[in-house]
PDB file of all heavy atoms in Angstrom:
ATOM      1  N   LYS A   1       4.720 230.404 242.793  1.00  0.00           N
ATOM      2  CA  LYS A   1       4.146 231.664 243.323  1.00  0.00           C
ATOM      3  C   LYS A   1       3.026 232.180 242.407  1.00  0.00           C
ATOM      4  O   LYS A   1       2.211 232.802 242.868  1.00  0.00           O
ATOM      5  CB  LYS A   1       5.236 232.695 243.504  1.00  0.00           C
ATOM      6  CG  LYS A   1       6.345 232.361 244.488  1.00  0.00           C
ATOM      7  CD  LYS A   1       7.419 233.334 244.444  1.00  0.00           C
ATOM      8  CE  LYS A   1       8.533 233.032 245.509  1.00  0.00           C
ATOM      9  NZ  LYS A   1       9.625 233.973 245.602  1.00  0.00           N
ATOM     10  N   LEU A   2       3.134 231.907 241.079  1.00  0.00           N
ATOM     11  CA  LEU A   2       2.032 232.402 240.178  1.00  0.00           C
ATOM     12  C   LEU A   2       0.905 231.522 240.084  1.00  0.00           C
ATOM     13  O   LEU A   2      -0.252 231.905 239.905  1.00  0.00           O
ATOM     14  CB  LEU A   2       2.714 232.655 238.684  1.00  0.00           C
ATOM     15  CG  LEU A   2       3.839 233.670 238.611  1.00  0.00           C
ATOM     16  CD1 LEU A   2       4.473 233.535 237.273  1.00  0.00           C
ATOM     17  CD2 LEU A   2       3.141 235.011 238.751  1.00  0.00           C
ATOM     18  N   ASP A   3       1.170 230.197 239.966  1.00  0.00           N
ATOM     19  CA  ASP A   3       0.073 229.187 239.603  1.00  0.00           C
ATOM     20  C   ASP A   3       0.529 227.863 240.197  1.00  0.00           C
ATOM     21  O   ASP A   3       1.288 227.040 239.432  1.00  0.00           O
ATOM     22  CB  ASP A   3      -0.191 229.180 238.217  1.00  0.00           C
ATOM     23  CG  ASP A   3      -1.481 228.250 237.829  1.00  0.00           C
ATOM     24  OD1 ASP A   3      -1.814 227.492 238.688  1.00  0.00           O
ATOM     25  OD2 ASP A   3      -1.891 228.400 236.702  1.00  0.00           O
ATOM     26  N   ILE A   4       0.223 227.489 241.392  1.00  0.00           N
ATOM     27  CA  ILE A   4       0.740 226.151 241.972  1.00  0.00           C
ATOM     28  C   ILE A   4       0.233 224.944 241.290  1.00  0.00           C
ATOM     29  O   ILE A   4       0.944 223.982 241.158  1.00  0.00           O
ATOM     30  CB  ILE A   4       0.309 226.167 243.479  1.00  0.00           C
ATOM     31  CG1 ILE A   4       1.092 225.004 244.149  1.00  0.00           C
ATOM     32  CG2 ILE A   4      -1.181 226.024 243.601  1.00  0.00           C
ATOM     33  CD1 ILE A   4       0.963 224.906 245.633  1.00  0.00           C
ATOM     34  N   ASP A   5      -0.982 225.016 240.690  1.00  0.00           N
ATOM     35  CA  ASP A   5      -1.556 223.921 240.069  1.00  0.00           C
ATOM     36  C   ASP A   5      -0.758 223.650 238.782  1.00  0.00           C
ATOM     37  O   ASP A   5      -0.460 222.523 238.249  1.00  0.00           O
ATOM     38  CB  ASP A   5      -2.976 224.131 239.613  1.00  0.00           C
ATOM     39  CG  ASP A   5      -3.916 223.950 240.850  1.00  0.00           C
ATOM     40  OD1 ASP A   5      -3.487 223.251 241.791  1.00  0.00           O
ATOM     41  OD2 ASP A   5      -4.986 224.604 240.906  1.00  0.00           O
ATOM     42  N   ALA A   6      -0.428 224.684 238.073  1.00  0.00           N
ATOM     43  CA  ALA A   6       0.301 224.613 236.810  1.00  0.00           C
ATOM     44  C   ALA A   6       1.617 224.069 237.032  1.00  0.00           C
ATOM     45  O   ALA A   6       2.242 223.148 236.400  1.00  0.00           O
ATOM     46  CB  ALA A   6       0.427 225.948 236.050  1.00  0.00           C
ATOM     47  N   ALA A   7       2.306 224.580 238.146  1.00  0.00           N
ATOM     48  CA  ALA A   7       3.622 224.056 238.417  1.00  0.00           C
ATOM     49  C   ALA A   7       3.663 222.558 238.760  1.00  0.00           C
ATOM     50  O   ALA A   7       4.655 221.887 238.441  1.00  0.00           O
ATOM     51  CB  ALA A   7       4.095 224.849 239.782  1.00  0.00           C
ATOM     52  N   SER A   8       2.598 222.098 239.409  1.00  0.00           N
ATOM     53  CA  SER A   8       2.589 220.656 239.844  1.00  0.00           C
ATOM     54  C   SER A   8       2.402 219.738 238.637  1.00  0.00           C
ATOM     55  O   SER A   8       2.638 218.552 238.770  1.00  0.00           O
ATOM     56  CB  SER A   8       1.435 220.420 240.741  1.00  0.00           C
ATOM     57  OG  SER A   8       0.082 220.572 240.090  1.00  0.00           O
ATOM     58  N   SER A   9       2.082 220.220 237.411  1.00  0.00           N
ATOM     59  CA  SER A   9       1.968 219.387 236.230  1.00  0.00           C
ATOM     60  C   SER A   9       3.204 219.330 235.435  1.00  0.00           C
ATOM     61  O   SER A   9       3.090 218.578 234.425  1.00  0.00           O
ATOM     62  CB  SER A   9       0.789 219.950 235.479  1.00  0.00           C
ATOM     63  OG  SER A   9       1.104 221.247 234.790  1.00  0.00           O
ATOM     64  N   VAL A  10       4.228 220.009 235.842  1.00  0.00           N
ATOM     65  CA  VAL A  10       5.453 220.042 234.972  1.00  0.00           C
ATOM     66  C   VAL A  10       6.358 218.935 235.287  1.00  0.00           C
ATOM     67  O   VAL A  10       6.607 218.598 236.475  1.00  0.00           O
ATOM     68  CB  VAL A  10       6.182 221.371 235.132  1.00  0.00           C
ATOM     69  CG1 VAL A  10       7.530 221.448 234.328  1.00  0.00           C
ATOM     70  CG2 VAL A  10       5.284 222.500 234.725  1.00  0.00           C
ATOM     71  N   GLU A  11       6.868 218.188 234.262  1.00  0.00           N
ATOM     72  CA  GLU A  11       7.791 217.170 234.466  1.00  0.00           C
ATOM     73  C   GLU A  11       9.177 217.587 234.890  1.00  0.00           C
ATOM     74  O   GLU A  11       9.527 218.861 234.687  1.00  0.00           O
ATOM     75  CB  GLU A  11       7.856 216.294 233.120  1.00  0.00           C
ATOM     76  CG  GLU A  11       6.629 215.700 232.746  1.00  0.00           C
ATOM     77  CD  GLU A  11       6.729 215.078 231.264  1.00  0.00           C
ATOM     78  OE1 GLU A  11       7.801 215.123 230.816  1.00  0.00           O
ATOM     79  OE2 GLU A  11       5.664 214.721 230.826  1.00  0.00           O
ATOM     80  N   LEU A  12       9.883 216.708 235.527  1.00  0.00           N
ATOM     81  CA  LEU A  12      11.234 217.132 236.076  1.00  0.00           C
ATOM     82  C   LEU A  12      12.124 217.607 234.991  1.00  0.00           C
ATOM     83  O   LEU A  12      12.209 216.966 233.915  1.00  0.00           O
ATOM     84  CB  LEU A  12      11.926 215.866 236.673  1.00  0.00           C
ATOM     85  CG  LEU A  12      13.254 216.094 237.399  1.00  0.00           C
ATOM     86  CD1 LEU A  12      13.187 217.167 238.554  1.00  0.00           C
ATOM     87  CD2 LEU A  12      13.897 214.857 237.813  1.00  0.00           C
ATOM     88  N   ASN A  13      12.770 218.805 235.118  1.00  0.00           N
ATOM     89  CA  ASN A  13      13.682 219.407 234.169  1.00  0.00           C
ATOM     90  C   ASN A  13      13.170 219.884 232.916  1.00  0.00           C
ATOM     91  O   ASN A  13      13.820 220.125 231.981  1.00  0.00           O
ATOM     92  CB  ASN A  13      14.947 218.479 233.968  1.00  0.00           C
ATOM     93  CG  ASN A  13      15.704 218.256 235.100  1.00  0.00           C
ATOM     94  OD1 ASN A  13      15.978 219.320 235.904  1.00  0.00           O
ATOM     95  ND2 ASN A  13      16.362 217.123 235.331  1.00  0.00           N
ATOM     96  N   ASP A  14      11.789 219.963 232.792  1.00  0.00           N
ATOM     97  CA  ASP A  14      11.191 220.483 231.520  1.00  0.00           C
ATOM     98  C   ASP A  14      11.104 222.087 231.682  1.00  0.00           C
ATOM     99  O   ASP A  14       9.996 222.563 231.867  1.00  0.00           O
ATOM    100  CB  ASP A  14       9.750 219.896 231.460  1.00  0.00           C
ATOM    101  CG  ASP A  14       9.176 220.098 230.093  1.00  0.00           C
ATOM    102  OD1 ASP A  14       9.669 220.973 229.414  1.00  0.00           O
ATOM    103  OD2 ASP A  14       8.196 219.544 229.655  1.00  0.00           O
ATOM    104  N   LYS A  15      12.236 222.685 231.454  1.00  0.00           N
ATOM    105  CA  LYS A  15      12.272 224.188 231.495  1.00  0.00           C
ATOM    106  C   LYS A  15      11.469 224.737 230.443  1.00  0.00           C
ATOM    107  O   LYS A  15      10.919 225.808 230.700  1.00  0.00           O
ATOM    108  CB  LYS A  15      13.735 224.535 231.403  1.00  0.00           C
ATOM    109  CG  LYS A  15      14.672 224.315 232.615  1.00  0.00           C
ATOM    110  CD  LYS A  15      16.080 224.750 232.377  1.00  0.00           C
ATOM    111  CE  LYS A  15      16.261 226.250 232.001  1.00  0.00           C
ATOM    112  NZ  LYS A  15      17.485 226.720 231.945  1.00  0.00           N
ATOM    113  N   LYS A  16      11.344 224.147 229.264  1.00  0.00           N
ATOM    114  CA  LYS A  16      10.548 224.742 228.239  1.00  0.00           C
ATOM    115  C   LYS A  16       9.138 224.856 228.658  1.00  0.00           C
ATOM    116  O   LYS A  16       8.473 225.957 228.337  1.00  0.00           O
ATOM    117  CB  LYS A  16      10.598 223.740 227.055  1.00  0.00           C
ATOM    118  CG  LYS A  16       9.647 224.117 225.909  1.00  0.00           C
ATOM    119  CD  LYS A  16       9.739 222.946 224.850  1.00  0.00           C
ATOM    120  CE  LYS A  16       8.447 223.166 223.994  1.00  0.00           C
ATOM    121  NZ  LYS A  16       8.396 221.974 222.924  1.00  0.00           N
ATOM    122  N   LYS A  17       8.513 223.950 229.340  1.00  0.00           N
ATOM    123  CA  LYS A  17       7.165 224.044 229.718  1.00  0.00           C
ATOM    124  C   LYS A  17       6.933 225.121 230.754  1.00  0.00           C
ATOM    125  O   LYS A  17       6.127 225.792 230.856  1.00  0.00           O
ATOM    126  CB  LYS A  17       6.630 222.614 230.063  1.00  0.00           C
ATOM    127  CG  LYS A  17       5.207 222.569 230.481  1.00  0.00           C
ATOM    128  CD  LYS A  17       4.624 221.111 230.737  1.00  0.00           C
ATOM    129  CE  LYS A  17       4.907 220.266 229.588  1.00  0.00           C
ATOM    130  NZ  LYS A  17       4.262 219.067 229.775  1.00  0.00           N
ATOM    131  N   LEU A  18       7.925 225.065 231.748  1.00  0.00           N
ATOM    132  CA  LEU A  18       7.873 226.034 232.891  1.00  0.00           C
ATOM    133  C   LEU A  18       7.882 227.514 232.228  1.00  0.00           C
ATOM    134  O   LEU A  18       7.137 228.382 232.648  1.00  0.00           O
ATOM    135  CB  LEU A  18       9.084 225.915 233.740  1.00  0.00           C
ATOM    136  CG  LEU A  18       9.069 224.852 234.936  1.00  0.00           C
ATOM    137  CD1 LEU A  18      10.327 224.623 235.572  1.00  0.00           C
ATOM    138  CD2 LEU A  18       7.869 225.087 235.781  1.00  0.00           C
ATOM    139  N   ILE A  19       8.775 227.651 231.301  1.00  0.00           N
ATOM    140  CA  ILE A  19       8.845 229.010 230.663  1.00  0.00           C
ATOM    141  C   ILE A  19       7.643 229.499 229.895  1.00  0.00           C
ATOM    142  O   ILE A  19       7.137 230.545 230.135  1.00  0.00           O
ATOM    143  CB  ILE A  19      10.136 229.113 229.638  1.00  0.00           C
ATOM    144  CG1 ILE A  19      11.441 229.020 230.474  1.00  0.00           C
ATOM    145  CG2 ILE A  19      10.039 230.412 228.824  1.00  0.00           C
ATOM    146  CD1 ILE A  19      12.674 228.853 229.619  1.00  0.00           C
ATOM    147  N   ARG A  20       7.030 228.426 229.314  1.00  0.00           N
ATOM    148  CA  ARG A  20       5.792 228.717 228.480  1.00  0.00           C
ATOM    149  C   ARG A  20       4.698 228.952 229.555  1.00  0.00           C
ATOM    150  O   ARG A  20       3.923 229.945 229.309  1.00  0.00           O
ATOM    151  CB  ARG A  20       5.324 227.507 227.610  1.00  0.00           C
ATOM    152  CG  ARG A  20       4.142 227.772 226.855  1.00  0.00           C
ATOM    153  CD  ARG A  20       4.181 228.993 225.920  1.00  0.00           C
ATOM    154  NE  ARG A  20       2.914 229.169 225.150  1.00  0.00           N
ATOM    155  CZ  ARG A  20       2.485 230.168 224.584  1.00  0.00           C
ATOM    156  NH1 ARG A  20       3.153 231.313 224.733  1.00  0.00           N
ATOM    157  NH2 ARG A  20       1.381 230.308 223.737  1.00  0.00           N
ATOM    158  N   TYR A  21       4.596 228.279 230.513  1.00  0.00           N
ATOM    159  CA  TYR A  21       3.472 228.490 231.545  1.00  0.00           C
ATOM    160  C   TYR A  21       3.628 229.778 232.319  1.00  0.00           C
ATOM    161  O   TYR A  21       2.715 230.505 232.456  1.00  0.00           O
ATOM    162  CB  TYR A  21       3.436 227.344 232.569  1.00  0.00           C
ATOM    163  CG  TYR A  21       2.994 225.951 232.112  1.00  0.00           C
ATOM    164  CD1 TYR A  21       2.517 225.918 230.754  1.00  0.00           C
ATOM    165  CD2 TYR A  21       2.956 224.988 232.917  1.00  0.00           C
ATOM    166  CE1 TYR A  21       2.121 224.644 230.283  1.00  0.00           C
ATOM    167  CE2 TYR A  21       2.395 223.543 232.483  1.00  0.00           C
ATOM    168  CZ  TYR A  21       1.940 223.565 231.181  1.00  0.00           C
ATOM    169  OH  TYR A  21       1.469 222.398 230.718  1.00  0.00           O
ATOM    170  N   ILE A  22       4.938 230.177 232.576  1.00  0.00           N
ATOM    171  CA  ILE A  22       5.112 231.488 233.182  1.00  0.00           C
ATOM    172  C   ILE A  22       4.731 232.589 232.209  1.00  0.00           C
ATOM    173  O   ILE A  22       4.075 233.520 232.568  1.00  0.00           O
ATOM    174  CB  ILE A  22       6.532 231.674 233.633  1.00  0.00           C
ATOM    175  CG1 ILE A  22       6.918 230.741 234.831  1.00  0.00           C
ATOM    176  CG2 ILE A  22       6.853 233.025 234.074  1.00  0.00           C
ATOM    177  CD1 ILE A  22       8.351 230.563 235.047  1.00  0.00           C
ATOM    178  N   GLU A  23       5.029 232.363 230.968  1.00  0.00           N
ATOM    179  CA  GLU A  23       4.636 233.387 230.023  1.00  0.00           C
ATOM    180  C   GLU A  23       3.258 233.595 229.735  1.00  0.00           C
ATOM    181  O   GLU A  23       2.711 234.740 229.668  1.00  0.00           O
ATOM    182  CB  GLU A  23       5.358 232.808 228.589  1.00  0.00           C
ATOM    183  CG  GLU A  23       5.071 233.679 227.425  1.00  0.00           C
ATOM    184  CD  GLU A  23       5.757 233.120 226.049  1.00  0.00           C
ATOM    185  OE1 GLU A  23       5.379 231.958 225.847  1.00  0.00           O
ATOM    186  OE2 GLU A  23       6.517 233.766 225.561  1.00  0.00           O
ATOM    187  N   ILE A  24       2.499 232.455 229.846  1.00  0.00           N
ATOM    188  CA  ILE A  24       1.032 232.540 229.733  1.00  0.00           C
ATOM    189  C   ILE A  24       0.378 233.182 230.818  1.00  0.00           C
ATOM    190  O   ILE A  24      -0.391 234.149 230.690  1.00  0.00           O
ATOM    191  CB  ILE A  24       0.448 231.044 229.525  1.00  0.00           C
ATOM    192  CG1 ILE A  24       0.808 230.510 228.152  1.00  0.00           C
ATOM    193  CG2 ILE A  24      -1.067 231.097 229.553  1.00  0.00           C
ATOM    194  CD1 ILE A  24       0.495 229.065 227.996  1.00  0.00           C
ATOM    195  N   VAL A  25       0.686 232.778 232.071  1.00  0.00           N
ATOM    196  CA  VAL A  25       0.208 233.454 233.283  1.00  0.00           C
ATOM    197  C   VAL A  25       0.517 234.885 233.407  1.00  0.00           C
ATOM    198  O   VAL A  25      -0.406 235.674 233.718  1.00  0.00           O
ATOM    199  CB  VAL A  25       0.633 232.583 234.438  1.00  0.00           C
ATOM    200  CG1 VAL A  25       0.239 233.294 235.763  1.00  0.00           C
ATOM    201  CG2 VAL A  25       0.296 231.146 234.501  1.00  0.00           C
ATOM    202  N   LYS A  26       1.621 235.173 233.080  1.00  0.00           N
ATOM    203  CA  LYS A  26       2.140 236.723 233.090  1.00  0.00           C
ATOM    204  C   LYS A  26       1.449 237.489 232.183  1.00  0.00           C
ATOM    205  O   LYS A  26       1.006 238.567 232.396  1.00  0.00           O
ATOM    206  CB  LYS A  26       3.618 236.856 233.061  1.00  0.00           C
ATOM    207  CG  LYS A  26       4.319 236.482 234.234  1.00  0.00           C
ATOM    208  CD  LYS A  26       5.931 236.763 234.013  1.00  0.00           C
ATOM    209  CE  LYS A  26       6.623 236.679 235.272  1.00  0.00           C
ATOM    210  NZ  LYS A  26       6.520 237.787 236.251  1.00  0.00           N
ATOM    211  N   SER A  27       1.226 236.816 230.928  1.00  0.00           N
ATOM    212  CA  SER A  27       0.650 237.624 229.794  1.00  0.00           C
ATOM    213  C   SER A  27      -0.870 237.873 230.069  1.00  0.00           C
ATOM    214  O   SER A  27      -1.522 238.912 229.786  1.00  0.00           O
ATOM    215  CB  SER A  27       0.864 236.806 228.469  1.00  0.00           C
ATOM    216  OG  SER A  27       0.117 237.533 227.421  1.00  0.00           O
ATOM    217  N   THR A  28      -1.532 236.779 230.509  1.00  0.00           N
ATOM    218  CA  THR A  28      -2.979 236.751 230.686  1.00  0.00           C
ATOM    219  C   THR A  28      -3.530 237.307 232.036  1.00  0.00           C
ATOM    220  O   THR A  28      -4.604 237.833 232.293  1.00  0.00           O
ATOM    221  CB  THR A  28      -3.568 235.402 230.515  1.00  0.00           C
ATOM    222  OG1 THR A  28      -3.154 234.455 231.478  1.00  0.00           O
ATOM    223  CG2 THR A  28      -3.259 234.884 229.134  1.00  0.00           C
ATOM    224  N   GLY A  29      -2.630 237.211 233.036  1.00  0.00           N
ATOM    225  CA  GLY A  29      -2.935 237.580 234.354  1.00  0.00           C
ATOM    226  C   GLY A  29      -3.895 236.801 235.124  1.00  0.00           C
ATOM    227  O   GLY A  29      -4.427 236.980 236.218  1.00  0.00           O
ATOM    228  N   VAL A  30      -4.067 235.594 234.554  1.00  0.00           N
ATOM    229  CA  VAL A  30      -4.962 234.588 235.180  1.00  0.00           C
ATOM    230  C   VAL A  30      -4.275 233.179 235.209  1.00  0.00           C
ATOM    231  O   VAL A  30      -3.056 233.050 234.568  1.00  0.00           O
ATOM    232  CB  VAL A  30      -6.306 234.255 234.388  1.00  0.00           C
ATOM    233  CG1 VAL A  30      -7.106 235.646 234.411  1.00  0.00           C
ATOM    234  CG2 VAL A  30      -6.080 233.834 233.066  1.00  0.00           C
ATOM    235  N   SER A  31      -4.753 232.196 235.991  1.00  0.00           N
ATOM    236  CA  SER A  31      -4.091 230.961 236.030  1.00  0.00           C
ATOM    237  C   SER A  31      -4.149 230.243 234.680  1.00  0.00           C
ATOM    238  O   SER A  31      -4.959 230.543 233.807  1.00  0.00           O
ATOM    239  CB  SER A  31      -4.918 230.044 237.122  1.00  0.00           C
ATOM    240  OG  SER A  31      -6.117 229.752 236.689  1.00  0.00           O
ATOM    241  N   LEU A  32      -3.258 229.251 234.612  1.00  0.00           N
ATOM    242  CA  LEU A  32      -3.143 228.475 233.372  1.00  0.00           C
ATOM    243  C   LEU A  32      -4.488 227.877 232.969  1.00  0.00           C
ATOM    244  O   LEU A  32      -4.951 227.833 231.832  1.00  0.00           O
ATOM    245  CB  LEU A  32      -2.103 227.375 233.430  1.00  0.00           C
ATOM    246  CG  LEU A  32      -1.853 226.587 232.172  1.00  0.00           C
ATOM    247  CD1 LEU A  32      -1.279 227.477 231.065  1.00  0.00           C
ATOM    248  CD2 LEU A  32      -0.809 225.490 232.356  1.00  0.00           C
ATOM    249  N   SER A  33      -5.170 227.227 233.923  1.00  0.00           N
ATOM    250  CA  SER A  33      -6.449 226.597 233.695  1.00  0.00           C
ATOM    251  C   SER A  33      -7.488 227.620 233.215  1.00  0.00           C
ATOM    252  O   SER A  33      -8.388 227.326 232.292  1.00  0.00           O
ATOM    253  CB  SER A  33      -6.891 225.877 234.951  1.00  0.00           C
ATOM    254  OG  SER A  33      -7.225 226.756 235.981  1.00  0.00           O
ATOM    255  N   ASN A  34      -7.503 228.706 233.688  1.00  0.00           N
ATOM    256  CA  ASN A  34      -8.468 229.735 233.297  1.00  0.00           C
ATOM    257  C   ASN A  34      -8.048 230.428 231.946  1.00  0.00           C
ATOM    258  O   ASN A  34      -8.928 230.832 231.136  1.00  0.00           O
ATOM    259  CB  ASN A  34      -8.431 230.841 234.297  1.00  0.00           C
ATOM    260  CG  ASN A  34      -9.323 230.540 235.494  1.00  0.00           C
ATOM    261  OD1 ASN A  34     -10.138 229.566 235.487  1.00  0.00           O
ATOM    262  ND2 ASN A  34      -8.904 231.069 236.620  1.00  0.00           N
TER     263      ASN A  34
END
């Protein structure tokens, strides 16, 4: 819901990366690529 491109790059069951990506997008207010 926050960043579909970032979500598509995450490996199966890699919760660590998902949490970090959510953290970045929520903190910056922009997509991971930006």
